[in-house]
Every structure is written in structure tokens, then in C-alpha cells.
Protein backbone atom coordinates (compact mmCIF):
# COMPACT_ATOMS: atom_id res chain seq x y z
CA UNK A 1 13.49 89.11 111.99
CA UNK A 2 11.16 87.99 114.71
CA UNK A 3 9.24 84.66 113.87
CA UNK A 4 5.57 85.51 112.63
CA UNK A 5 6.56 88.96 111.63
CA UNK A 6 6.81 90.52 108.08
CA UNK A 7 9.87 92.12 106.37
CA UNK A 8 9.05 95.36 104.66
CA UNK A 9 11.03 97.56 102.40
CA UNK A 10 10.22 100.84 100.87
CA UNK A 11 11.00 100.97 96.89
CA UNK A 12 11.86 104.70 96.29
CA UNK A 13 10.90 105.99 92.89
CA UNK A 14 10.93 109.55 91.68
CA UNK A 15 7.32 110.91 91.83
CA UNK A 16 5.94 107.55 92.57
CA UNK A 17 5.14 103.96 91.11
CA UNK A 18 1.98 105.26 89.41
CA UNK A 19 3.09 106.40 85.90
CA UNK A 20 1.20 109.71 86.55
CA UNK A 21 2.22 110.21 90.21
CA UNK A 22 4.56 112.96 89.34
CA UNK A 23 1.69 114.92 87.89
CA UNK A 24 -0.37 114.96 91.12
CA UNK A 25 -0.46 118.49 92.65
CA UNK A 26 1.24 117.24 95.86
CA UNK A 27 4.00 115.05 94.12
CA UNK A 28 7.62 115.60 94.52
CA UNK A 29 8.01 115.93 90.73
CA UNK A 30 11.71 116.90 91.14
CA UNK A 31 12.71 113.75 93.13
CA UNK A 32 14.93 112.32 90.67
CA UNK A 33 17.91 114.37 91.38
CA UNK A 34 17.14 116.05 94.74
CA UNK A 35 19.06 114.39 97.58
CA UNK A 36 16.79 116.11 100.12
CA UNK A 37 13.81 114.12 98.98
CA UNK A 38 15.51 110.81 99.21
CA UNK A 39 16.78 111.74 102.76
CA UNK A 40 13.44 112.59 103.84
CA UNK A 41 11.79 109.29 102.36
CA UNK A 42 14.65 107.32 103.85
CA UNK A 43 14.44 109.07 107.29
CA UNK A 44 10.48 108.37 107.37
CA UNK A 45 11.11 104.64 106.44
CA UNK A 46 13.82 104.36 109.16
CA UNK A 47 11.49 105.97 111.84
CA UNK A 48 8.96 103.47 111.21
CA UNK A 49 11.65 100.67 111.46
CA UNK A 50 11.27 99.42 107.78
CA UNK A 51 14.05 96.99 106.92
CA UNK A 52 15.19 98.73 104.03
CA UNK A 53 14.93 101.17 101.34
CA UNK A 54 15.49 99.92 97.77
CA UNK A 55 16.78 101.89 94.66
CA UNK A 56 16.20 100.43 91.18
CA UNK A 57 18.52 101.44 88.20
CA UNK A 58 19.02 101.02 84.47
CA UNK A 59 22.04 102.73 82.62
CA UNK A 60 19.98 104.48 80.25
CA UNK A 61 16.52 105.80 79.46
CA UNK A 62 13.53 103.10 79.15
CA UNK A 63 11.40 104.94 76.61
CA UNK A 64 11.72 104.29 72.95
CA UNK A 65 10.60 107.62 71.59
CA UNK A 66 11.22 111.34 72.42
CA UNK A 67 7.35 111.73 72.95
CA UNK A 68 7.28 109.15 75.58
CA UNK A 69 10.65 110.32 77.16
CA UNK A 70 9.14 113.76 77.43
CA UNK A 71 6.25 112.59 79.50
CA UNK A 72 8.14 110.52 82.00
CA UNK A 73 8.51 111.45 85.52
CA UNK A 74 11.71 109.32 86.10
CA UNK A 75 13.69 110.10 83.04
CA UNK A 76 16.69 111.40 85.43
CA UNK A 77 17.85 109.79 88.47
CA UNK A 78 20.84 109.33 90.71
CA UNK A 79 23.46 106.46 90.03
CA UNK A 80 22.12 104.46 92.88
CA UNK A 81 25.41 103.22 94.67
CA UNK A 82 26.36 106.99 94.77
CA UNK A 83 23.06 107.74 96.34
CA UNK A 84 23.35 104.76 98.93
CA UNK A 85 26.78 106.24 100.09
CA UNK A 86 25.27 109.54 100.71
CA UNK A 87 22.09 107.83 102.49
CA UNK A 88 24.56 106.11 104.66
CA UNK A 89 25.74 109.16 106.28
CA UNK A 90 22.37 110.39 107.35
CA UNK A 91 20.89 106.91 108.63
CA UNK A 92 21.68 104.66 111.62
CA UNK A 93 19.74 101.49 111.21
CA UNK A 94 17.93 101.05 107.78
CA UNK A 95 19.19 98.77 105.17
CA UNK A 96 20.15 100.48 101.94
CA UNK A 97 19.68 98.20 98.73
CA UNK A 98 20.48 99.29 95.05
CA UNK A 99 20.52 97.74 91.70
CA UNK A 100 23.68 96.94 89.49
CA UNK A 101 23.87 94.82 86.34
CA UNK A 102 26.16 91.90 85.80
CA UNK A 103 25.88 92.62 82.05
CA UNK A 104 27.27 96.14 81.95
CA UNK A 105 29.93 95.88 84.97
CA UNK A 106 32.99 94.10 86.01
CA UNK A 107 33.06 91.88 88.90
CA UNK A 108 36.04 93.67 90.61
CA UNK A 109 34.42 96.97 90.32
CA UNK A 110 31.07 96.07 91.94
CA UNK A 111 32.69 93.86 94.51
CA UNK A 112 34.83 97.09 95.60
CA UNK A 113 31.96 99.32 95.47
CA UNK A 114 29.42 97.25 97.42
CA UNK A 115 32.08 96.42 100.04
CA UNK A 116 32.98 100.02 100.30
CA UNK A 117 29.46 101.01 100.97
CA UNK A 118 28.95 98.19 103.47
CA UNK A 119 31.88 99.72 105.41
CA UNK A 120 30.54 103.16 105.23
CA UNK A 121 27.00 102.08 106.44
CA UNK A 122 28.66 99.78 109.06
CA UNK A 123 26.82 96.85 107.50
CA UNK A 124 23.55 97.96 106.08
CA UNK A 125 24.06 97.68 102.34
CA UNK A 126 22.36 95.10 99.73
CA UNK A 127 23.02 94.56 95.99
CA UNK A 128 20.12 93.73 93.79
CA UNK A 129 21.57 91.80 91.06
CA UNK A 130 20.07 92.27 87.64
CA UNK A 131 21.13 90.89 84.22
CA UNK A 132 19.47 94.13 82.50
CA UNK A 133 16.33 93.76 80.55
CA UNK A 134 16.44 97.36 78.96
CA UNK A 135 17.41 97.04 75.21
CA UNK A 136 18.33 100.74 75.01
CA UNK A 137 20.88 100.24 77.87
CA UNK A 138 22.91 97.86 75.55
CA UNK A 139 23.16 100.75 73.13
CA UNK A 140 25.37 102.74 75.75
CA UNK A 141 27.72 99.91 76.00
CA UNK A 142 28.85 99.20 72.33
CA UNK A 143 26.16 96.95 71.59
CA UNK A 144 22.98 97.14 69.46
CA UNK A 145 21.11 94.61 71.41
CA UNK A 146 21.12 92.82 74.78
CA UNK A 147 22.78 89.46 74.94
CA UNK A 148 20.55 86.62 74.85
CA UNK A 149 18.56 85.82 78.01
CA UNK A 150 20.24 82.60 78.83
CA UNK A 151 23.82 84.30 78.05
CA UNK A 152 23.12 87.03 80.54
CA UNK A 153 22.42 84.62 83.32
CA UNK A 154 25.42 82.52 82.57
CA UNK A 155 27.69 85.52 82.74
CA UNK A 156 25.83 86.55 85.90
CA UNK A 157 26.54 83.15 87.57
CA UNK A 158 30.25 83.58 86.86
CA UNK A 159 30.12 87.28 87.85
CA UNK A 160 28.87 86.10 91.40
CA UNK A 161 31.54 83.57 91.67
CA UNK A 162 34.29 86.06 91.13
CA UNK A 163 32.43 88.72 93.30
CA UNK A 164 32.14 86.26 96.26
CA UNK A 165 35.69 85.27 95.78
CA UNK A 166 36.82 88.75 95.93
CA UNK A 167 34.72 89.48 99.07
CA UNK A 168 36.74 86.57 100.49
CA UNK A 169 40.17 87.91 99.76
CA UNK A 170 40.88 88.75 103.44
CA UNK A 171 40.30 86.93 106.74
CA UNK A 172 38.31 89.07 109.08
CA UNK A 173 41.36 89.33 111.36
CA UNK A 174 43.90 89.75 108.51
CA UNK A 175 44.98 93.33 109.49
CA UNK A 176 47.01 93.14 112.42
CA UNK A 177 48.87 96.47 111.94
CA UNK A 178 52.00 95.43 113.98
CA UNK A 179 54.21 98.55 114.19
CA UNK A 180 56.88 96.70 115.96
CA UNK A 181 57.53 94.16 113.16
CA UNK A 182 56.26 96.35 110.39
CA UNK A 183 53.58 93.85 109.41
CA UNK A 184 50.44 95.47 108.24
CA UNK A 185 48.62 92.31 107.55
CA UNK A 186 49.18 88.43 108.10
CA UNK A 187 50.09 87.05 104.75
CA UNK A 188 48.49 83.86 105.57
CA UNK A 189 45.13 85.54 105.81
CA UNK A 190 45.15 86.82 102.25
CA UNK A 191 44.00 84.99 99.24
CA UNK A 192 44.71 85.52 95.53
CA UNK A 193 41.58 84.66 93.60
CA UNK A 194 43.44 83.96 90.14
CA UNK A 195 40.05 83.43 88.30
CA UNK A 196 40.21 82.64 84.69
CA UNK A 197 36.76 81.88 83.21
CA UNK A 198 34.67 82.13 80.19
CA UNK A 199 33.65 85.60 80.70
CA UNK A 200 36.16 87.17 83.32
CA UNK A 201 39.62 86.94 84.69
CA UNK A 202 40.37 88.59 87.96
CA UNK A 203 43.75 88.22 90.06
CA UNK A 204 42.67 89.74 93.24
CA UNK A 205 42.84 90.30 96.17
CA UNK A 206 40.13 93.02 96.61
CA UNK A 207 41.87 96.28 97.88
CA UNK A 208 39.37 96.74 100.88
CA UNK A 209 39.00 94.55 103.90
CA UNK A 210 36.02 92.12 104.37
CA UNK A 211 33.19 94.06 104.96
CA UNK A 212 30.97 93.98 108.19
CA UNK A 213 28.27 91.71 106.86
CA UNK A 214 30.93 89.25 105.25
CA UNK A 215 29.09 89.65 101.94
CA UNK A 216 26.49 92.42 101.37
CA UNK A 217 22.95 90.92 101.32
CA UNK A 218 22.22 89.64 97.77
CA UNK A 219 18.77 90.53 96.24
CA UNK A 220 17.33 89.22 93.09
CA UNK A 221 14.16 89.74 91.07
CA UNK A 222 14.28 87.17 88.22
CA UNK A 223 11.06 85.23 88.16
CA UNK A 224 11.48 83.21 84.88
CA UNK A 225 12.64 79.80 85.23
CA UNK A 226 16.39 80.73 84.63
CA UNK A 227 16.10 83.67 87.11
CA UNK A 228 14.29 81.63 89.83
CA UNK A 229 17.04 79.10 89.66
CA UNK A 230 19.54 81.90 89.74
CA UNK A 231 17.66 83.28 92.87
CA UNK A 232 17.92 79.92 94.42
CA UNK A 233 21.47 79.66 93.86
CA UNK A 234 22.57 83.29 95.07
CA UNK A 235 19.49 85.40 96.24
CA UNK A 236 18.77 86.16 99.77
CA UNK A 237 15.97 89.05 99.31
CA UNK A 238 13.75 87.78 96.56
CA UNK A 239 11.76 90.52 94.89
CA UNK A 240 8.81 89.20 92.53
CA UNK A 241 5.60 90.56 91.10
CA UNK A 242 2.57 88.15 91.84
CA UNK A 243 -1.21 88.91 91.18
CA UNK A 244 -2.74 86.17 93.22
CA UNK A 245 -2.08 84.02 96.16
CA UNK A 246 -1.88 80.78 94.31
CA UNK A 247 0.58 82.16 91.84
CA UNK A 248 2.65 83.73 94.61
CA UNK A 249 2.51 80.38 96.69
CA UNK A 250 3.80 78.59 93.61
CA UNK A 251 6.68 80.86 93.09
CA UNK A 252 7.47 80.92 96.76
CA UNK A 253 7.65 77.06 96.90
CA UNK A 254 9.54 76.87 93.64
CA UNK A 255 12.36 79.45 94.47
CA UNK A 256 12.92 77.87 97.96
CA UNK A 257 13.14 74.49 96.35
CA UNK A 258 15.70 75.63 94.03
CA UNK A 259 17.86 77.09 97.03
CA UNK A 260 17.72 73.44 98.65
CA UNK A 261 19.18 72.19 95.36
CA UNK A 262 22.29 74.34 96.27
CA UNK A 263 22.51 73.00 99.63
CA UNK A 264 20.64 76.19 101.19
CA UNK A 265 17.74 76.28 103.64
CA UNK A 266 14.44 78.05 103.29
CA UNK A 267 15.44 80.37 105.96
CA UNK A 268 18.33 81.77 103.73
CA UNK A 269 15.69 83.37 101.38
CA UNK A 270 13.30 86.12 102.13
CA UNK A 271 10.60 86.27 99.41
CA UNK A 272 9.02 89.71 99.03
CA UNK A 273 6.15 90.46 96.42
CA UNK A 274 5.75 94.08 95.34
CA UNK A 275 2.36 95.80 96.57
CA UNK A 276 1.18 99.21 95.45
CA UNK A 277 -0.82 100.49 98.49
CA UNK A 278 -3.45 102.90 97.70
CA UNK A 279 -4.86 103.61 101.46
CA UNK A 280 -7.06 106.10 103.03
CA UNK A 281 -9.18 106.11 106.27
CA UNK A 282 -12.06 104.74 104.20
CA UNK A 283 -12.35 102.39 101.20
CA UNK A 284 -14.35 105.26 99.37
CA UNK A 285 -11.61 107.69 99.83
CA UNK A 286 -8.78 105.14 98.90
CA UNK A 287 -10.94 104.48 95.58
CA UNK A 288 -11.06 108.19 94.77
CA UNK A 289 -7.33 108.53 95.38
CA UNK A 290 -6.88 105.83 92.45
CA UNK A 291 -9.51 107.59 90.25
CA UNK A 292 -7.44 110.95 90.73
CA UNK A 293 -4.34 109.28 89.69
CA UNK A 294 -5.81 107.30 86.80
CA UNK A 295 -7.26 110.62 85.30
CA UNK A 296 -3.71 112.00 84.98
CA UNK A 297 -2.36 109.16 82.63
CA UNK A 298 -1.25 110.41 79.44
CA UNK A 299 -1.72 108.01 76.42
CA UNK A 300 1.77 108.18 75.09
CA UNK A 301 3.45 107.07 78.18
CA UNK A 302 0.70 104.45 78.98
CA UNK A 303 1.24 102.83 75.52
CA UNK A 304 5.02 103.03 75.91
CA UNK A 305 4.80 101.23 79.30
CA UNK A 306 2.82 98.59 77.81
CA UNK A 307 5.17 98.02 74.94
CA UNK A 308 8.04 97.85 77.28
CA UNK A 309 6.54 95.45 79.81
CA UNK A 310 5.34 93.20 76.96
CA UNK A 311 9.04 92.83 75.84
CA UNK A 312 8.92 95.01 72.55
CA UNK A 313 7.29 92.07 70.81
CA UNK A 314 4.21 94.02 69.70
CA UNK A 315 3.56 97.71 68.87
CA UNK A 316 0.44 98.18 70.93
CA UNK A 317 -0.04 101.64 69.58
CA UNK A 318 -0.52 100.33 65.98
CA UNK A 319 -3.64 98.34 67.42
CA UNK A 320 -7.12 99.72 68.17
CA UNK A 321 -6.93 100.44 71.81
CA UNK A 322 -10.43 98.62 72.05
CA UNK A 323 -8.94 95.48 70.67
CA UNK A 324 -8.13 92.44 72.91
CA UNK A 325 -4.42 92.13 73.96
CA UNK A 326 -2.77 89.76 71.41
CA UNK A 327 -2.31 86.29 73.24
CA UNK A 328 0.29 85.03 70.58
CA UNK A 329 3.05 87.34 71.44
CA UNK A 330 6.48 86.09 70.67
CA UNK A 331 8.97 85.26 73.25
CA UNK A 332 11.08 88.47 74.52
CA UNK A 333 14.63 88.69 75.17
CA UNK A 334 13.90 91.20 77.95
CA UNK A 335 11.48 90.63 80.77
CA UNK A 336 10.23 87.23 80.21
CA UNK A 337 8.59 86.55 83.56
CA UNK A 338 6.80 90.04 83.51
CA UNK A 339 5.65 89.45 79.82
CA UNK A 340 4.11 86.04 80.89
CA UNK A 341 2.50 87.55 84.03
CA UNK A 342 0.94 90.35 81.92
CA UNK A 343 -0.24 88.05 79.27
CA UNK A 344 -1.90 85.93 81.73
CA UNK A 345 -3.70 88.74 83.53
CA UNK A 346 -5.00 90.25 80.24
CA UNK A 347 -6.32 86.84 79.23
CA UNK A 348 -7.82 86.15 82.67
CA UNK A 349 -9.44 89.50 82.82
CA UNK A 350 -10.38 89.81 79.23
CA UNK A 351 -8.42 93.04 78.80
CA UNK A 352 -8.58 95.28 75.83
CA UNK A 353 -5.08 97.15 75.18
CA UNK A 354 -6.67 100.22 76.82
CA UNK A 355 -7.70 98.31 79.97
CA UNK A 356 -4.18 96.77 79.96
CA UNK A 357 -2.43 100.05 79.96
CA UNK A 358 -4.60 101.62 82.67
CA UNK A 359 -3.81 98.73 84.66
CA UNK A 360 -0.15 98.63 84.24
CA UNK A 361 0.03 102.43 84.89
CA UNK A 362 -0.86 101.72 88.52
CA UNK A 363 1.90 99.41 89.51
CA UNK A 364 3.47 97.80 86.36
CA UNK A 365 2.02 94.28 87.08
CA UNK A 366 2.58 94.42 90.72
CA UNK A 367 -0.19 93.67 93.19
CA UNK A 368 -2.48 96.78 93.74
CA UNK A 369 -4.37 97.12 97.12
CA UNK A 370 -6.91 99.74 97.59
CA UNK A 371 -8.78 100.26 100.59
CA UNK A 372 -8.78 101.21 104.36
CA UNK A 373 -5.79 100.36 106.51
CA UNK A 374 -7.52 97.16 107.86
CA UNK A 375 -8.40 96.19 104.44
CA UNK A 376 -4.79 96.58 103.23
CA UNK A 377 -3.54 94.67 106.02
CA UNK A 378 -6.09 91.73 105.56
CA UNK A 379 -4.64 91.38 102.09
CA UNK A 380 -1.08 91.47 103.37
CA UNK A 381 -1.83 89.09 106.03
CA UNK A 382 -3.62 86.57 103.76
CA UNK A 383 -0.46 86.41 101.53
CA UNK A 384 1.82 86.18 104.51
CA UNK A 385 0.13 83.57 106.47
CA UNK A 386 -0.52 81.45 103.30
CA UNK A 387 3.08 80.82 102.76
CA UNK A 388 3.09 83.52 99.72
CA UNK A 389 5.51 85.89 101.04
CA UNK A 390 7.79 86.56 103.69
CA UNK A 391 7.18 90.32 103.43
CA UNK A 392 6.62 93.06 100.97
CA UNK A 393 8.28 95.68 98.73
CA UNK A 394 5.93 98.74 99.32
CA UNK A 395 5.61 100.61 96.15
CA UNK A 396 3.85 103.99 96.95
CA UNK A 397 1.95 105.33 93.89
CA UNK A 398 2.86 108.96 94.68
CA UNK A 399 5.53 110.40 96.86
CA UNK A 400 5.36 111.79 99.57
CA UNK A 401 1.74 111.43 100.51
CA UNK A 402 1.24 107.61 99.91
CA UNK A 403 4.66 106.65 101.50
CA UNK A 404 3.39 108.70 104.54
CA UNK A 405 -0.11 107.16 104.34
CA UNK A 406 1.24 103.70 104.42
CA UNK A 407 3.68 104.51 107.43
CA UNK A 408 1.03 106.22 109.31
CA UNK A 409 -2.01 104.14 108.50
CA UNK A 410 -1.00 100.67 107.62
CA UNK A 411 2.14 100.17 109.79
CA UNK A 412 0.11 100.71 113.07
CA UNK A 413 -2.42 98.21 111.98
CA UNK A 414 0.21 95.72 111.17
CA UNK A 415 1.63 96.23 114.56
CA UNK A 416 -1.76 95.85 116.26
CA UNK A 417 -1.91 92.35 114.81
CA UNK A 418 1.85 91.73 115.67
CA UNK A 419 2.77 91.34 112.22
CA UNK A 420 5.39 93.88 112.15
CA UNK A 421 7.99 95.08 114.63
CA UNK A 422 8.30 98.39 116.59
CA UNK A 423 12.14 98.89 116.48
CA UNK A 424 15.33 97.39 115.02
CA UNK A 425 16.82 94.21 116.70
CA UNK A 426 20.22 94.11 115.05
CA UNK A 427 23.01 96.16 113.89
CA UNK A 428 23.37 95.10 110.37
CA UNK A 429 20.70 94.44 107.33
CA UNK A 430 21.59 90.56 107.73
CA UNK A 431 20.83 90.63 111.44
CA UNK A 432 17.65 92.70 110.94
CA UNK A 433 16.43 90.08 108.28
CA UNK A 434 17.42 87.04 110.17
CA UNK A 435 20.27 86.03 107.70
CA UNK A 436 23.35 84.51 108.67
CA UNK A 437 26.80 86.11 108.02
CA UNK A 438 28.66 83.91 105.36
CA UNK A 439 31.72 82.10 106.31
CA UNK A 440 34.94 83.00 104.38
CA UNK A 441 35.28 80.02 102.14
CA UNK A 442 38.66 80.91 100.48
CA UNK A 443 41.04 82.60 103.21
CA UNK A 444 42.04 80.48 106.08
CA UNK A 445 40.86 82.21 109.28
CA UNK A 446 43.29 80.25 111.57
CA UNK A 447 46.25 81.31 109.55
CA UNK A 448 47.67 77.76 109.41
CA UNK A 449 47.74 77.47 105.79
CA UNK A 450 49.52 80.07 103.05
CA UNK A 451 47.41 82.31 100.92
CA UNK A 452 47.28 80.92 97.36
CA UNK A 453 50.06 82.01 95.24
CA UNK A 454 49.69 83.53 91.75
CA UNK A 455 48.44 80.82 89.41
CA UNK A 456 46.85 78.57 92.12
CA UNK A 457 43.55 76.69 91.58
CA UNK A 458 40.38 78.32 93.01
CA UNK A 459 39.23 77.21 96.28
CA UNK A 460 35.77 75.50 96.33
CA UNK A 461 32.80 77.98 95.80
CA UNK A 462 30.32 78.86 98.52
CA UNK A 463 27.58 77.40 96.51
CA UNK A 464 28.35 74.59 93.95
CA UNK A 465 26.27 74.06 91.02
CA UNK A 466 23.58 71.25 91.62
């Protein structure tokens, strides 16, 4: 990443990020399970030298009623790590980032999956770490409800300790494949993890060699106090929803301060607010694009979205739509930071429930930028130069048109101001983000100490608790 230039990633979502995007006459409403659509979006992003594409995920539907499910444009979609493996075969430079949950997976499984895709992509994969906030996801994994918020993060912390330990199973030069001696790898350059903790036990080693990046790039999106601290400990790409420069600056400073608590530097984290760009050659045309999308919103899905993002602590459809948004909602066990952001926004703007649902339908609480290319870049530049962002997650409201418009209208204006690059400078996602390759903290690179035998104590972790 060049000094003074932004990091940009495209958040791919079937139909678009506007809740009614899939209903637009130009939308790819079939994108959820159409690999050709994803290949096309990713190829376009790569042609514009974006740093990565991002795929979100939850292992279950998000909607609470059949009525709402029947109106959702993203009710189906690919399992994202499978999708990344496919996209790795059709791309050369762009990073590939996907979500996987620490609550509903095991460390060995995800360590192996992401290391494998890092090899398949020649070092371009990233893992967006989530603890899961969808209560219906839990019901697909032998639970009636999500574990408590703090417990999910405790589990995630141990999960990452195990995963990073497994990624350090082998020295980079462990596999000597010496035909003469018959030695496939140097035994002194392999490490048994032998982890026995509160949530997990894992012997190791991982049965794939150390990946090109050492560790895949770690992304994280928690903005609650617990989530921000976790991001400061492990995150490298930090995704966040912010409505103002002031709030974005406060979060930026907070998460980077947390990183220093764990012996990391500010350069180890790339903070990226989400933006929903609605861009056209003129501001008037951009406003008309937004009006068209807003006219397509169905009340059922808008109310369901409000219930979900407010944490399922209020039945908004049982209130008059023209009543103010309640400001005394109970604390949610789901998306705590998003609930707070939305309550604060509704209070500041004096939203009724109807107005809140319309607001949420555009970008689910992310910053919405409407205007000409110069106006969109003005807003991005203000965040960037104010120390509120290192870059942005781009969330087109409708695919493919709004992705195309961003790449064809906004990216050239960013380049004109020297805010964004014109080509890839590195071979791996880490290199393109300006992130260092993690040292192997468990396996001796020089081969002058034996690998830990079964039952041996754990080596020191890469990021000890502060």
C-alpha cells in the first residue's frame, strides 16, 4: 500500500446492498448461486486494481418469518470459502476475503481451509472472523439461542490461538523431499500444538504446509468494546459502520490503541468503514437513482431488517410506523455495536420507525454517499485525511450497475487526486495491503531444536494478552 493512498475492497452481495436492489430492472437477481456473476464482478474489481473482494456469510437464513424470507433477495448464496476457491482459479492479483464463524466451526477445520485457499490463490486469501450474530444460525447447530456475547468472544480468542498455532505447524523450509535419504520433511521443523483449553483441544500438526502469507490476512468487524479489543488483538483488516467523521475518528483511535496494548503497531491494522456509493454523472441523476431504489422497498422486508439490526429486542411491526423509534431498547445479545449506532442515529435525526426502515434499507447503517463522482470522492477524502479511515469497503446498492459506476466514475477521480493506485504492486494480499508476513512463533526455522513431542507445553503465543 502506497503512503497517502486508500485501500479499497468490494463487498459482493447478491442483487446489491440496497434491500430492494434485486428488484431493479437492471439487477442480477439470480446472483446468489450464479458463479458467472461472481466471476464477472471480481474480474471488474481486479481490472480496477481494487485490493480485494469480500463475501459475507451466515450459516442460516436471517429472516424470522416466511413472509420476510419470501421477499429477500439473498435467501440463497454460495458457501463463501468454496466460492473463494473457485474465484482463485479465475484471478491473479486481487485479494479474496470471506467470513467464517468461530462459534459454529472448529479451529483445525478453518485453519486447514484457509491455508489451503491461500495456497490455491498463491497468497491472496483473507478470513473475516465473526462470532455470529444471527440467532437463527444457532438453531442449525443444536442450540436454541446464541451463546452470550462475552462467551462468544472468549471462545473466539482461544479459537484464534489454536488456529495461529496450527498455521505455525511447519517451518517454511520444512519439506526437504530428500529422495536419497528418504526424508520427506525435516523433523526438527515440525511442531505438535498439543492445545488443551477451555473450549478446544487440538494435537496438530496441520496437514498442509505453511501458507504463502504465513497466515491468511485476518479481518474483523466487531465494533462493540469487546469486539474492538478483539480486533486490536488479532485484526488486520478492520471493517466498521460509521455515520460521521467524528465517530469514525473515535473508533479509529480506539482500535489502534487496543492494538498497541498487544504489542502491535498502528501500521498492523487497516481500518475500513463501509460506504454505499450512489453515483452518477450529476448529483441530480444520483438522487434519482436513490429515489428509484427506495420506491421498490416492500414494507415486510424493511420491517424485518429493522427488527434484525435492532437486535430482535423490539417488534417494530407492532408499533405505529409513524411513532418515534423507542430509545429504551434492551441490550441485545446479537449485533450490539450496530444496535447502538442505529439508536444513536434515530435519536439524532428524530426518526420515526418508517423513516428508520427506509434509512436501513439503503445500507443497513453504513454511510450512504449520493452525488457526482467529485462529491463522492470529496466525502471519502475527508474521512481519509482526517484520520478516520485507511480505506473503504465499497457496498454497491445494486449489481452490476452500481459496481460499474463506482469503478468507471469514482476510481478515475480518486486516481486524479492520487488517492488510489493504478496497478498491483505486490504478489500477495499482505504485500498489497502493506502488512508484514507473520514470523513463525512455534516452529524453529533453523532446525537446531527438536519439535515439541506429544504432551509438551505450548510455545509462547504471537500476541499475548495485555
